[in-house]
Amino acid sequence: MMISNAILGALNSAIAVMETGGLDYCLFGGLAMQVYKRIRATRDVDLMVTVDKKRVTELISRMEKAGFEFDRKKGAVRIRDFELFRFIYTDEDLGLDIFVDLATVATEFQKTVLRRKKRLDFLGVAVNIASCEDLILLKALGNRPIDIADAEGLIEENIRDLNKTYLRKWAEELGVGKTVERLLKEKCLT
């Protein structure tokens, strides 16, 4: 429960920065999966955000003013098609550090993820959250054992509601068609 309170604090603070700055964003990753009934422990908040290159410095400053730490010497890290800015949120009361990763949107798929986001209640907070199909695709792209297990769990828990046409189309375009098709077949969704 302590970690969840710290994560919720980090999420609330990061969302406040996004929304007061008028930035288009959505929650994705381990935390977002809880909305789609895939529960697992996580110690970070992953947000996809559209930010003009000219406004990146402003965004970093706004995050720092909100209490987040950013290693300006290290800067952003490129992971696949994402430029990732890692911030640390420290919950002083609990003595916990939570990573808050802001992934900038650049590709057509990432833009589509943002267009398809849903505004949902998450632990009492209104949050923009990536669709279940997009989380599955992002997890397939990650391709670590935990990512594949997450994608499988999302499919299993949401099998009736998935837009399989959308999922298959983007899986092929992203080069993860075989992985997604295998996971769908394992859940009898041929």
C-alpha atoms as a PDB file:
ATOM      1  CA  MET A   1       0.000   0.000   0.000  1.00  0.00           C
ATOM      2  CA  MET A   2       2.880   2.371   0.751  1.00  0.00           C
ATOM      3  CA  ILE A   3       4.298   2.017  -2.748  1.00  0.00           C
ATOM      4  CA  SER A   4       0.842   2.562  -4.281  1.00  0.00           C
ATOM      5  CA  ASN A   5       0.453   5.826  -2.372  1.00  0.00           C
ATOM      6  CA  ALA A   6       3.868   6.996  -3.609  1.00  0.00           C
ATOM      7  CA  ILE A   7       3.040   5.984  -7.198  1.00  0.00           C
ATOM      8  CA  LEU A   8      -0.312   7.737  -6.990  1.00  0.00           C
ATOM      9  CA  GLY A   9       1.435  10.878  -5.717  1.00  0.00           C
ATOM     10  CA  ALA A  10       3.909  10.732  -8.606  1.00  0.00           C
ATOM     11  CA  LEU A  11       1.099  10.151 -11.105  1.00  0.00           C
ATOM     12  CA  ASN A  12      -1.009  13.025  -9.754  1.00  0.00           C
ATOM     13  CA  SER A  13       1.946  15.433  -9.812  1.00  0.00           C
ATOM     14  CA  ALA A  14       3.033  14.448 -13.336  1.00  0.00           C
ATOM     15  CA  ILE A  15      -0.525  14.693 -14.691  1.00  0.00           C
ATOM     16  CA  ALA A  16      -0.896  18.150 -13.150  1.00  0.00           C
ATOM     17  CA  VAL A  17       2.216  19.266 -15.062  1.00  0.00           C
ATOM     18  CA  MET A  18       0.894  17.785 -18.328  1.00  0.00           C
ATOM     19  CA  GLU A  19      -2.588  19.227 -17.990  1.00  0.00           C
ATOM     20  CA  THR A  20      -1.639  22.700 -16.779  1.00  0.00           C
ATOM     21  CA  GLY A  21       0.868  22.833 -19.633  1.00  0.00           C
ATOM     22  CA  GLY A  22      -1.788  21.847 -22.178  1.00  0.00           C
ATOM     23  CA  LEU A  23       0.188  18.755 -23.237  1.00  0.00           C
ATOM     24  CA  ASP A  24      -1.444  15.740 -24.843  1.00  0.00           C
ATOM     25  CA  TYR A  25      -0.459  12.632 -22.863  1.00  0.00           C
ATOM     26  CA  CYS A  26      -1.518   9.151 -21.872  1.00  0.00           C
ATOM     27  CA  LEU A  27      -0.536   6.660 -19.223  1.00  0.00           C
ATOM     28  CA  PHE A  28       0.911   3.413 -20.534  1.00  0.00           C
ATOM     29  CA  GLY A  29       3.053   0.611 -19.120  1.00  0.00           C
ATOM     30  CA  GLY A  30       2.591  -1.452 -15.978  1.00  0.00           C
ATOM     31  CA  LEU A  31       0.434   1.030 -14.125  1.00  0.00           C
ATOM     32  CA  ALA A  32      -2.014   1.536 -17.011  1.00  0.00           C
ATOM     33  CA  MET A  33      -2.589  -2.201 -17.305  1.00  0.00           C
ATOM     34  CA  GLN A  34      -4.449  -2.211 -13.990  1.00  0.00           C
ATOM     35  CA  VAL A  35      -7.391  -0.503 -15.710  1.00  0.00           C
ATOM     36  CA  TYR A  36      -7.607  -3.543 -17.991  1.00  0.00           C
ATOM     37  CA  LYS A  37      -7.439  -6.068 -15.131  1.00  0.00           C
ATOM     38  CA  ARG A  38      -3.746  -6.946 -15.503  1.00  0.00           C
ATOM     39  CA  ILE A  39      -2.371  -6.350 -12.027  1.00  0.00           C
ATOM     40  CA  ARG A  40       1.308  -6.570 -11.232  1.00  0.00           C
ATOM     41  CA  ALA A  41       3.770  -4.685  -9.100  1.00  0.00           C
ATOM     42  CA  THR A  42       5.448  -1.659 -10.633  1.00  0.00           C
ATOM     43  CA  ARG A  43       7.538   1.171  -9.263  1.00  0.00           C
ATOM     44  CA  ASP A  44       7.270   3.603 -12.106  1.00  0.00           C
ATOM     45  CA  VAL A  45       4.872   5.791 -14.017  1.00  0.00           C
ATOM     46  CA  ASP A  46       5.091   5.757 -17.813  1.00  0.00           C
ATOM     47  CA  LEU A  47       3.564   8.657 -19.721  1.00  0.00           C
ATOM     48  CA  MET A  48       3.563   9.162 -23.471  1.00  0.00           C
ATOM     49  CA  VAL A  49       3.516  12.871 -24.264  1.00  0.00           C
ATOM     50  CA  THR A  50       3.418  15.103 -27.304  1.00  0.00           C
ATOM     51  CA  VAL A  51       5.850  17.932 -26.800  1.00  0.00           C
ATOM     52  CA  ASP A  52       7.449  20.151 -29.410  1.00  0.00           C
ATOM     53  CA  LYS A  53      11.259  20.007 -29.345  1.00  0.00           C
ATOM     54  CA  LYS A  54      11.261  23.716 -28.528  1.00  0.00           C
ATOM     55  CA  ARG A  55       9.190  23.059 -25.392  1.00  0.00           C
ATOM     56  CA  VAL A  56      11.225  20.167 -23.954  1.00  0.00           C
ATOM     57  CA  THR A  57      13.344  22.474 -21.783  1.00  0.00           C
ATOM     58  CA  GLU A  58      10.175  24.156 -20.532  1.00  0.00           C
ATOM     59  CA  LEU A  59       8.640  20.759 -19.708  1.00  0.00           C
ATOM     60  CA  ILE A  60      11.753  19.692 -17.793  1.00  0.00           C
ATOM     61  CA  SER A  61      11.688  22.958 -15.824  1.00  0.00           C
ATOM     62  CA  ARG A  62       7.987  22.544 -15.035  1.00  0.00           C
ATOM     63  CA  MET A  63       8.575  18.972 -13.829  1.00  0.00           C
ATOM     64  CA  GLU A  64      11.454  20.156 -11.638  1.00  0.00           C
ATOM     65  CA  LYS A  65       9.305  22.958 -10.178  1.00  0.00           C
ATOM     66  CA  ALA A  66       6.715  20.294  -9.331  1.00  0.00           C
ATOM     67  CA  GLY A  67       9.355  18.438  -7.287  1.00  0.00           C
ATOM     68  CA  PHE A  68      10.739  15.966  -9.819  1.00  0.00           C
ATOM     69  CA  GLU A  69      14.478  15.465 -10.274  1.00  0.00           C
ATOM     70  CA  PHE A  70      16.035  15.189 -13.733  1.00  0.00           C
ATOM     71  CA  ASP A  71      19.655  14.426 -14.591  1.00  0.00           C
ATOM     72  CA  ARG A  72      20.339  17.203 -17.090  1.00  0.00           C
ATOM     73  CA  LYS A  73      23.847  15.879 -17.781  1.00  0.00           C
ATOM     74  CA  LYS A  74      22.513  12.491 -18.819  1.00  0.00           C
ATOM     75  CA  GLY A  75      19.530  14.011 -20.605  1.00  0.00           C
ATOM     76  CA  ALA A  76      17.143  11.934 -22.646  1.00  0.00           C
ATOM     77  CA  VAL A  77      17.696   8.310 -23.553  1.00  0.00           C
ATOM     78  CA  ARG A  78      16.599   6.766 -26.841  1.00  0.00           C
ATOM     79  CA  ILE A  79      14.808   3.438 -26.476  1.00  0.00           C
ATOM     80  CA  ARG A  80      13.596   2.101 -29.792  1.00  0.00           C
ATOM     81  CA  ASP A  81      11.331   4.799 -31.256  1.00  0.00           C
ATOM     82  CA  PHE A  82      10.993   6.727 -28.000  1.00  0.00           C
ATOM     83  CA  GLU A  83      13.001   9.587 -26.628  1.00  0.00           C
ATOM     84  CA  LEU A  84      12.680   8.971 -22.907  1.00  0.00           C
ATOM     85  CA  PHE A  85      13.078  11.537 -20.153  1.00  0.00           C
ATOM     86  CA  ARG A  86      13.438   9.877 -16.743  1.00  0.00           C
ATOM     87  CA  PHE A  87      12.438  11.856 -13.681  1.00  0.00           C
ATOM     88  CA  ILE A  88      12.538  10.834 -10.044  1.00  0.00           C
ATOM     89  CA  TYR A  89       9.683  11.638  -7.706  1.00  0.00           C
ATOM     90  CA  THR A  90      10.563  11.298  -4.039  1.00  0.00           C
ATOM     91  CA  ASP A  91       7.778  10.679  -1.579  1.00  0.00           C
ATOM     92  CA  GLU A  92       9.348  12.287   1.482  1.00  0.00           C
ATOM     93  CA  ASP A  93       6.804  10.819   3.913  1.00  0.00           C
ATOM     94  CA  LEU A  94       7.442   7.261   2.749  1.00  0.00           C
ATOM     95  CA  GLY A  95      11.092   7.687   1.789  1.00  0.00           C
ATOM     96  CA  LEU A  96      10.469   6.152  -1.644  1.00  0.00           C
ATOM     97  CA  ASP A  97      11.757   7.160  -5.060  1.00  0.00           C
ATOM     98  CA  ILE A  98       9.431   6.574  -8.004  1.00  0.00           C
ATOM     99  CA  PHE A  99      10.614   6.788 -11.598  1.00  0.00           C
ATOM    100  CA  VAL A 100       8.430   8.833 -13.910  1.00  0.00           C
ATOM    101  CA  ASP A 101       9.331   8.212 -17.534  1.00  0.00           C
ATOM    102  CA  LEU A 102       8.096  10.663 -20.158  1.00  0.00           C
ATOM    103  CA  ALA A 103       8.265   9.146 -23.632  1.00  0.00           C
ATOM    104  CA  THR A 104       7.949  11.684 -26.430  1.00  0.00           C
ATOM    105  CA  VAL A 105       5.673  10.921 -29.350  1.00  0.00           C
ATOM    106  CA  ALA A 106       7.279  10.830 -32.784  1.00  0.00           C
ATOM    107  CA  THR A 107       6.013   7.909 -34.890  1.00  0.00           C
ATOM    108  CA  GLU A 108       2.643   7.469 -36.555  1.00  0.00           C
ATOM    109  CA  PHE A 109       1.867   4.560 -34.213  1.00  0.00           C
ATOM    110  CA  GLN A 110       2.637   6.676 -31.149  1.00  0.00           C
ATOM    111  CA  LYS A 111       0.394   9.441 -32.501  1.00  0.00           C
ATOM    112  CA  THR A 112      -2.330   6.851 -32.996  1.00  0.00           C
ATOM    113  CA  VAL A 113      -1.921   5.661 -29.397  1.00  0.00           C
ATOM    114  CA  LEU A 114      -2.574   9.212 -28.209  1.00  0.00           C
ATOM    115  CA  ARG A 115      -5.566   9.655 -30.514  1.00  0.00           C
ATOM    116  CA  ARG A 116      -7.112   6.427 -29.165  1.00  0.00           C
ATOM    117  CA  LYS A 117      -6.484   7.154 -25.479  1.00  0.00           C
ATOM    118  CA  LYS A 118      -9.381   6.960 -23.053  1.00  0.00           C
ATOM    119  CA  ARG A 119     -10.170   9.350 -20.212  1.00  0.00           C
ATOM    120  CA  LEU A 120     -10.859   7.025 -17.288  1.00  0.00           C
ATOM    121  CA  ASP A 121     -11.033   7.059 -13.524  1.00  0.00           C
ATOM    122  CA  PHE A 122      -7.887   5.500 -12.098  1.00  0.00           C
ATOM    123  CA  LEU A 123      -7.824   5.209  -8.314  1.00  0.00           C
ATOM    124  CA  GLY A 124      -9.997   8.282  -8.022  1.00  0.00           C
ATOM    125  CA  VAL A 125      -8.060  10.351 -10.561  1.00  0.00           C
ATOM    126  CA  ALA A 126      -9.209  11.196 -14.107  1.00  0.00           C
ATOM    127  CA  VAL A 127      -6.357  10.027 -16.337  1.00  0.00           C
ATOM    128  CA  ASN A 128      -5.755   9.639 -20.083  1.00  0.00           C
ATOM    129  CA  ILE A 129      -4.894   5.961 -20.549  1.00  0.00           C
ATOM    130  CA  ALA A 130      -3.722   4.063 -23.625  1.00  0.00           C
ATOM    131  CA  SER A 131      -6.242   1.600 -25.066  1.00  0.00           C
ATOM    132  CA  CYS A 132      -5.861  -2.064 -24.215  1.00  0.00           C
ATOM    133  CA  GLU A 133      -4.926  -2.907 -27.811  1.00  0.00           C
ATOM    134  CA  ASP A 134      -2.204  -0.269 -27.793  1.00  0.00           C
ATOM    135  CA  LEU A 135      -0.826  -1.544 -24.487  1.00  0.00           C
ATOM    136  CA  ILE A 136      -0.655  -5.034 -25.989  1.00  0.00           C
ATOM    137  CA  LEU A 137       1.223  -3.677 -29.010  1.00  0.00           C
ATOM    138  CA  LEU A 138       3.616  -1.648 -26.850  1.00  0.00           C
ATOM    139  CA  LYS A 139       4.296  -4.709 -24.709  1.00  0.00           C
ATOM    140  CA  ALA A 140       4.905  -6.846 -27.813  1.00  0.00           C
ATOM    141  CA  LEU A 141       7.378  -4.203 -29.018  1.00  0.00           C
ATOM    142  CA  GLY A 142       9.154  -4.287 -25.644  1.00  0.00           C
ATOM    143  CA  ASN A 143       9.568  -8.042 -26.102  1.00  0.00           C
ATOM    144  CA  ARG A 144      11.079  -8.750 -22.665  1.00  0.00           C
ATOM    145  CA  PRO A 145       9.682 -11.815 -20.877  1.00  0.00           C
ATOM    146  CA  ILE A 146       7.673  -9.558 -18.518  1.00  0.00           C
ATOM    147  CA  ASP A 147       6.310  -7.615 -21.513  1.00  0.00           C
ATOM    148  CA  ILE A 148       5.142 -10.785 -23.265  1.00  0.00           C
ATOM    149  CA  ALA A 149       3.549 -12.030 -20.042  1.00  0.00           C
ATOM    150  CA  ASP A 150       1.814  -8.645 -19.717  1.00  0.00           C
ATOM    151  CA  ALA A 151       0.535  -8.785 -23.312  1.00  0.00           C
ATOM    152  CA  GLU A 152      -0.743 -12.306 -22.729  1.00  0.00           C
ATOM    153  CA  GLY A 153      -2.492 -11.261 -19.512  1.00  0.00           C
ATOM    154  CA  LEU A 154      -4.101  -8.261 -21.196  1.00  0.00           C
ATOM    155  CA  ILE A 155      -5.406 -10.475 -24.005  1.00  0.00           C
ATOM    156  CA  GLU A 156      -6.702 -13.072 -21.561  1.00  0.00           C
ATOM    157  CA  GLU A 157      -8.515 -10.550 -19.366  1.00  0.00           C
ATOM    158  CA  ASN A 158      -9.960  -8.496 -22.243  1.00  0.00           C
ATOM    159  CA  ILE A 159     -10.476 -11.106 -24.942  1.00  0.00           C
ATOM    160  CA  ARG A 160     -14.123 -10.202 -25.675  1.00  0.00           C
ATOM    161  CA  ASP A 161     -13.558  -6.462 -25.967  1.00  0.00           C
ATOM    162  CA  LEU A 162     -10.435  -6.348 -28.121  1.00  0.00           C
ATOM    163  CA  ASN A 163     -10.497  -4.793 -31.575  1.00  0.00           C
ATOM    164  CA  LYS A 164      -8.668  -7.681 -33.212  1.00  0.00           C
ATOM    165  CA  THR A 165      -8.615  -6.058 -36.660  1.00  0.00           C
ATOM    166  CA  TYR A 166      -6.815  -2.989 -35.284  1.00  0.00           C
ATOM    167  CA  LEU A 167      -4.494  -5.172 -33.195  1.00  0.00           C
ATOM    168  CA  ARG A 168      -3.491  -7.366 -36.133  1.00  0.00           C
ATOM    169  CA  LYS A 169      -3.068  -4.437 -38.546  1.00  0.00           C
ATOM    170  CA  TRP A 170      -0.683  -2.545 -36.269  1.00  0.00           C
ATOM    171  CA  ALA A 171       1.110  -5.713 -35.130  1.00  0.00           C
ATOM    172  CA  GLU A 172       2.023  -6.409 -38.762  1.00  0.00           C
ATOM    173  CA  GLU A 173       3.088  -2.810 -39.395  1.00  0.00           C
ATOM    174  CA  LEU A 174       5.229  -2.780 -36.252  1.00  0.00           C
ATOM    175  CA  GLY A 175       6.906  -6.108 -37.027  1.00  0.00           C
ATOM    176  CA  VAL A 176       5.374  -7.978 -34.084  1.00  0.00           C
ATOM    177  CA  GLY A 177       2.644  -9.765 -36.044  1.00  0.00           C
ATOM    178  CA  LYS A 178       3.908 -13.271 -35.287  1.00  0.00           C
ATOM    179  CA  THR A 179       4.136 -12.575 -31.578  1.00  0.00           C
ATOM    180  CA  VAL A 180       0.666 -11.045 -31.338  1.00  0.00           C
ATOM    181  CA  GLU A 181      -0.887 -13.739 -33.530  1.00  0.00           C
ATOM    182  CA  ARG A 182       0.670 -16.468 -31.350  1.00  0.00           C
ATOM    183  CA  LEU A 183      -0.730 -14.849 -28.211  1.00  0.00           C
ATOM    184  CA  LEU A 184      -4.174 -14.484 -29.785  1.00  0.00           C
ATOM    185  CA  LYS A 185      -4.170 -18.116 -30.912  1.00  0.00           C
ATOM    186  CA  GLU A 186      -3.166 -19.298 -27.443  1.00  0.00           C
ATOM    187  CA  LYS A 187      -6.339 -17.628 -26.177  1.00  0.00           C
ATOM    188  CA  CYS A 188      -8.447 -19.206 -28.977  1.00  0.00           C
ATOM    189  CA  LEU A 189      -8.921 -15.988 -30.896  1.00  0.00           C
ATOM    190  CA  THR A 190      -8.219 -17.123 -34.407  1.00  0.00           C
END
